[in-house]
Amino acid sequence: MTSRDGSAAVSKAAAVLEAAAATKSPCAPVRSLLPQADVEAAYAVQRLNVERAVAAGRRPVGRKIGLTSPAVQRQLGVDQPDFGVLFADMAVPQGQPVAPGRLLQPKVEAEVALVLGADLPHREPTVADLLRATAFALPALEIVDSRIAGWDITIVDTVADNASCGLFVLGGTPVPLDRVDLRAVSMTLTKNGGTVSRGTGADCLGSPLTAALWLASTLAGLGDPLKAGDVVLTGALGPMAVAAEGDEFSAHIEGLGTVGAVFGQATAEGAGA
């Protein structure tokens, strides 16, 4: 494939995903538009749509790491992590319902969020670098979404689709890292009062800190390092759960606290509009 053909393929895949998001209509997998198993091409698609979003006025506020839990990797049939960009308009305050129809096919997973107080510019950051750079941790719910119909994705599809980013909810009580062992924390996720997922910090690449180090190193190598103020969603601590209108989720992460999300329901008037 020539460079020109490759650029055309990236542009086409980006346009397909952008249209799916704009029209709220899931699209076919985009892997058929790109070179087979070409993750670099998928990241080129992601970058193109991120650049377009920024040009349109959306504000990046951090990154998410995906596919860190072995259970989630088995669900999606992949064997490596990925990353995507978080925007300010993806943040949902606790207690504010997610509007019906805002997402296409949402799923919920619980994870540890890190908020940075300093830049992480090094290509080979140490744990000490990360600990010094992290202002605090929070419990988080990531509401993942896919523009690909039926979640029929490979790693190429999800990377191109901004790592299946949707929305995220952060807990409200910051916890310094010297007060919690992130590797040892336990997580319980409930849906409408019933437990739907369990896990520990060790289920996230061995530790959420290990995942964050992977991200910091990867982004520094790309010349786009993590910076002070960034929110880092470090990856799922257990399997994700499907969400629908009216569902209520709550995640408790030992040592960090509890965070919840509520999905609104369409009114009879709205449903008939």
Protein backbone atom coordinates (compact mmCIF):
# COMPACT_ATOMS: atom_id res chain seq x y z
CA MET A 1 0.00 0.00 0.00
CA THR A 2 1.44 3.39 -0.96
CA SER A 3 1.68 6.30 1.44
CA ARG A 4 -1.04 8.07 -0.52
CA ASP A 5 -3.29 4.99 -0.36
CA GLY A 6 -2.58 4.68 3.35
CA SER A 7 -3.52 8.31 3.94
CA ALA A 8 -6.73 7.82 1.98
CA ALA A 9 -7.61 4.73 4.02
CA VAL A 10 -7.01 6.59 7.29
CA SER A 11 -9.17 9.50 6.12
CA LYS A 12 -11.95 7.14 5.05
CA ALA A 13 -11.98 5.24 8.34
CA ALA A 14 -11.94 8.49 10.30
CA ALA A 15 -14.88 9.82 8.30
CA VAL A 16 -16.90 6.64 8.84
CA LEU A 17 -16.38 6.79 12.62
CA GLU A 18 -17.06 10.52 12.75
CA ALA A 19 -20.33 10.04 10.86
CA ALA A 20 -21.41 7.20 13.15
CA ALA A 21 -20.87 9.40 16.19
CA ALA A 22 -22.65 12.38 14.64
CA THR A 23 -25.67 10.43 13.41
CA LYS A 24 -25.89 8.10 16.43
CA SER A 25 -25.90 5.20 13.99
CA PRO A 26 -23.32 2.43 14.52
CA CYS A 27 -21.13 1.62 11.55
CA ALA A 28 -19.53 -1.53 10.19
CA PRO A 29 -16.06 -2.40 11.50
CA VAL A 30 -13.39 -0.13 10.04
CA ARG A 31 -10.66 -2.79 10.07
CA SER A 32 -11.56 -3.70 6.50
CA LEU A 33 -10.62 -0.17 5.44
CA LEU A 34 -7.13 -0.36 6.95
CA PRO A 35 -4.12 -2.63 6.45
CA GLN A 36 -4.69 -5.91 8.30
CA ALA A 37 -3.76 -5.75 11.98
CA ASP A 38 -2.11 -2.34 11.45
CA VAL A 39 -2.38 -0.71 14.88
CA GLU A 40 -0.26 2.26 13.76
CA ALA A 41 -2.80 3.04 11.04
CA ALA A 42 -5.56 2.76 13.64
CA TYR A 43 -3.81 5.31 15.85
CA ALA A 44 -3.49 7.58 12.80
CA VAL A 45 -7.29 7.40 12.47
CA GLN A 46 -7.66 8.22 16.15
CA ARG A 47 -5.28 11.18 15.90
CA LEU A 48 -7.12 12.59 12.89
CA ASN A 49 -10.47 12.57 14.65
CA VAL A 50 -8.94 13.96 17.86
CA GLU A 51 -7.41 16.81 15.85
CA ARG A 52 -10.80 17.51 14.27
CA ALA A 53 -12.47 17.47 17.69
CA VAL A 54 -9.94 19.93 19.11
CA ALA A 55 -10.36 22.18 16.08
CA ALA A 56 -14.11 22.11 16.74
CA GLY A 57 -13.53 23.36 20.30
CA ARG A 58 -13.45 20.21 22.41
CA ARG A 59 -10.88 20.30 25.25
CA PRO A 60 -8.63 17.29 25.99
CA VAL A 61 -8.30 16.62 29.73
CA GLY A 62 -6.36 13.36 29.85
CA ARG A 63 -6.09 9.80 28.59
CA LYS A 64 -7.65 6.43 29.15
CA ILE A 65 -5.90 3.09 29.08
CA GLY A 66 -7.97 0.25 27.69
CA LEU A 67 -7.71 -3.52 27.57
CA THR A 68 -5.66 -3.86 30.75
CA SER A 69 -7.77 -6.51 32.47
CA PRO A 70 -7.29 -10.11 31.35
CA ALA A 71 -11.05 -10.56 31.70
CA VAL A 72 -11.77 -7.60 29.41
CA GLN A 73 -9.10 -8.76 26.98
CA ARG A 74 -10.84 -12.14 26.80
CA GLN A 75 -14.18 -10.42 26.23
CA LEU A 76 -12.79 -8.50 23.25
CA GLY A 77 -10.31 -11.07 21.97
CA VAL A 78 -7.18 -8.91 22.29
CA ASP A 79 -3.88 -9.29 24.11
CA GLN A 80 -2.45 -5.80 24.53
CA PRO A 81 -3.52 -2.46 26.04
CA ASP A 82 -4.44 0.64 24.09
CA PHE A 83 -5.10 4.29 24.84
CA GLY A 84 -7.49 7.05 23.89
CA VAL A 85 -8.07 10.75 24.57
CA LEU A 86 -10.47 12.06 27.22
CA PHE A 87 -12.32 15.31 26.57
CA ALA A 88 -13.89 17.64 29.12
CA ASP A 89 -17.36 17.01 27.70
CA MET A 90 -17.01 13.30 28.51
CA ALA A 91 -16.92 14.00 32.26
CA VAL A 92 -20.26 13.36 33.99
CA PRO A 93 -20.71 14.67 37.55
CA GLN A 94 -21.91 12.10 40.06
CA GLY A 95 -25.69 12.20 40.35
CA GLN A 96 -26.23 13.69 36.91
CA PRO A 97 -28.09 11.16 34.76
CA VAL A 98 -26.64 10.15 31.43
CA ALA A 99 -29.20 11.37 28.94
CA PRO A 100 -31.03 8.68 26.96
CA GLY A 101 -29.57 8.31 23.50
CA ARG A 102 -26.35 10.13 24.35
CA LEU A 103 -24.37 6.93 23.76
CA LEU A 104 -24.88 4.18 21.22
CA GLN A 105 -24.19 0.93 23.12
CA PRO A 106 -22.73 1.76 26.53
CA LYS A 107 -20.99 -0.54 28.96
CA VAL A 108 -19.63 0.30 32.41
CA GLU A 109 -16.37 -0.65 34.07
CA ALA A 110 -14.76 0.40 37.36
CA GLU A 111 -11.21 1.64 37.56
CA VAL A 112 -8.67 3.80 39.35
CA ALA A 113 -8.19 7.35 38.08
CA LEU A 114 -4.95 9.22 38.64
CA VAL A 115 -4.79 13.02 38.46
CA LEU A 116 -1.34 14.37 37.71
CA GLY A 117 0.26 17.29 39.50
CA ALA A 118 3.38 17.35 37.33
CA ASP A 119 4.46 16.46 33.79
CA LEU A 120 5.79 12.97 32.92
CA PRO A 121 8.11 13.71 29.98
CA HIS A 122 10.54 10.76 30.32
CA ARG A 123 10.54 7.86 27.87
CA GLU A 124 11.50 5.48 30.68
CA PRO A 125 9.67 6.81 33.75
CA THR A 126 10.23 5.10 37.06
CA VAL A 127 7.66 4.28 39.70
CA ALA A 128 9.19 7.09 41.75
CA ASP A 129 8.65 9.52 38.84
CA LEU A 130 5.01 8.48 38.64
CA LEU A 131 4.43 8.70 42.39
CA ARG A 132 5.94 12.19 42.51
CA ALA A 133 3.93 13.33 39.51
CA THR A 134 0.55 12.04 40.75
CA ALA A 135 -1.40 14.51 42.86
CA PHE A 136 -4.06 12.00 43.93
CA ALA A 137 -6.19 9.01 42.99
CA LEU A 138 -9.97 8.69 42.68
CA PRO A 139 -12.43 5.87 42.10
CA ALA A 140 -13.87 6.10 38.60
CA LEU A 141 -16.48 4.61 36.32
CA GLU A 142 -15.68 4.58 32.65
CA ILE A 143 -18.73 4.32 30.43
CA VAL A 144 -17.26 2.86 27.28
CA ASP A 145 -19.04 3.04 23.97
CA SER A 146 -18.41 1.81 20.46
CA ARG A 147 -19.32 3.39 17.18
CA ILE A 148 -18.90 -0.11 15.70
CA ALA A 149 -22.19 -2.01 15.42
CA GLY A 150 -22.60 -4.83 17.92
CA TRP A 151 -19.17 -4.23 19.47
CA ASP A 152 -17.76 -6.30 16.59
CA ILE A 153 -14.24 -5.05 17.22
CA THR A 154 -10.62 -6.02 16.99
CA ILE A 155 -7.85 -3.90 18.49
CA VAL A 156 -7.65 -2.02 15.17
CA ASP A 157 -11.32 -1.03 15.43
CA THR A 158 -11.19 0.07 19.05
CA VAL A 159 -7.95 2.02 18.67
CA ALA A 160 -9.30 3.84 15.62
CA ASP A 161 -12.48 4.54 17.59
CA ASN A 162 -10.54 6.46 20.27
CA ALA A 163 -10.21 3.31 22.38
CA SER A 164 -14.01 3.04 22.59
CA CYS A 165 -14.23 6.16 24.74
CA GLY A 166 -17.65 7.27 25.88
CA LEU A 167 -18.01 9.08 29.20
CA PHE A 168 -16.46 8.93 32.65
CA VAL A 169 -17.48 9.65 36.23
CA LEU A 170 -14.96 10.50 38.96
CA GLY A 171 -15.37 10.12 42.69
CA GLY A 172 -15.18 13.31 44.70
CA THR A 173 -12.68 12.60 47.47
CA PRO A 174 -9.00 12.76 46.42
CA VAL A 175 -6.73 10.13 47.99
CA PRO A 176 -2.93 10.59 48.05
CA LEU A 177 -1.02 7.55 46.82
CA ASP A 178 0.82 7.14 50.13
CA ARG A 179 -2.50 6.20 51.71
CA VAL A 180 -3.43 3.31 49.42
CA ASP A 181 -1.79 0.26 47.85
CA LEU A 182 -3.32 0.33 44.39
CA ARG A 183 -2.16 -3.18 43.55
CA ALA A 184 -4.02 -4.64 46.54
CA VAL A 185 -7.31 -2.74 46.35
CA SER A 186 -10.49 -4.73 45.79
CA MET A 187 -13.34 -3.56 43.57
CA THR A 188 -17.03 -4.39 43.52
CA LEU A 189 -19.33 -3.06 40.80
CA THR A 190 -23.09 -3.26 41.23
CA LYS A 191 -25.90 -2.71 38.75
CA ASN A 192 -29.34 -1.95 40.16
CA GLY A 193 -28.17 -3.32 43.50
CA GLY A 194 -26.75 -6.63 42.25
CA THR A 195 -23.05 -7.38 41.90
CA VAL A 196 -21.98 -7.63 38.25
CA SER A 197 -18.19 -7.38 38.46
CA ARG A 198 -15.38 -7.91 40.93
CA GLY A 199 -11.65 -7.44 40.70
CA THR A 200 -8.49 -6.08 42.28
CA GLY A 201 -5.78 -3.63 41.39
CA ALA A 202 -3.61 -6.55 40.38
CA ASP A 203 -6.11 -7.35 37.60
CA CYS A 204 -5.05 -4.15 35.82
CA LEU A 205 -1.70 -5.12 34.23
CA GLY A 206 -0.54 -6.21 37.67
CA SER A 207 -1.21 -2.75 39.13
CA PRO A 208 -2.82 0.51 37.99
CA LEU A 209 0.63 2.06 38.44
CA THR A 210 2.10 -0.39 35.92
CA ALA A 211 -0.60 0.60 33.44
CA ALA A 212 0.09 4.29 34.02
CA LEU A 213 3.82 3.75 33.51
CA TRP A 214 3.10 1.99 30.21
CA LEU A 215 1.00 4.94 29.09
CA ALA A 216 3.52 7.55 30.23
CA SER A 217 6.35 5.78 28.42
CA THR A 218 4.30 5.23 25.25
CA LEU A 219 3.13 8.85 25.02
CA ALA A 220 6.58 10.27 25.79
CA GLY A 221 7.96 8.13 22.99
CA LEU A 222 5.36 9.63 20.66
CA GLY A 223 6.33 13.16 21.66
CA ASP A 224 2.98 13.81 23.36
CA PRO A 225 3.68 13.18 27.06
CA LEU A 226 1.31 13.24 29.98
CA LYS A 227 1.11 16.68 31.60
CA ALA A 228 0.17 18.23 34.92
CA GLY A 229 -3.59 18.28 35.33
CA ASP A 230 -4.21 15.25 33.13
CA VAL A 231 -6.74 12.66 34.25
CA VAL A 232 -5.55 9.12 33.61
CA LEU A 233 -8.10 6.31 33.65
CA THR A 234 -5.78 3.40 34.31
CA GLY A 235 -7.96 0.52 33.10
CA ALA A 236 -10.71 -1.81 34.20
CA LEU A 237 -10.35 -3.81 37.41
CA GLY A 238 -12.91 -6.37 36.24
CA PRO A 239 -15.33 -7.25 33.45
CA MET A 240 -17.55 -4.54 31.99
CA ALA A 241 -21.34 -4.59 32.29
CA VAL A 242 -23.93 -3.58 29.70
CA ALA A 243 -25.89 -0.44 30.54
CA ALA A 244 -29.42 0.54 29.55
CA GLU A 245 -31.90 3.33 30.29
CA GLY A 246 -32.83 3.43 33.97
CA ASP A 247 -29.81 1.45 35.18
CA GLU A 248 -27.91 2.57 38.26
CA PHE A 249 -24.28 1.58 38.82
CA SER A 250 -22.10 1.88 41.88
CA ALA A 251 -18.47 0.88 42.30
CA HIS A 252 -16.63 0.60 45.58
CA ILE A 253 -12.84 0.49 45.44
CA GLU A 254 -11.20 -0.30 48.76
CA GLY A 255 -9.20 2.64 50.05
CA LEU A 256 -10.56 5.04 47.43
CA GLY A 257 -14.29 5.07 48.11
CA THR A 258 -17.43 4.81 46.01
CA VAL A 259 -18.51 6.29 42.70
CA GLY A 260 -21.86 5.97 40.93
CA ALA A 261 -23.56 6.55 37.61
CA VAL A 262 -27.23 6.77 36.65
CA PHE A 263 -28.71 6.30 33.19
CA GLY A 264 -31.78 8.42 32.53
CA GLN A 265 -34.98 7.15 30.97
CA ALA A 266 -36.80 8.65 28.03
CA THR A 267 -40.12 10.20 28.92
CA ALA A 268 -43.29 9.14 27.14
CA GLU A 269 -43.36 12.57 25.49
CA GLY A 270 -39.71 12.24 24.42
CA ALA A 271 -40.24 8.73 23.18
CA GLY A 272 -43.04 9.83 20.92
CA ALA A 273 -41.22 12.87 19.56
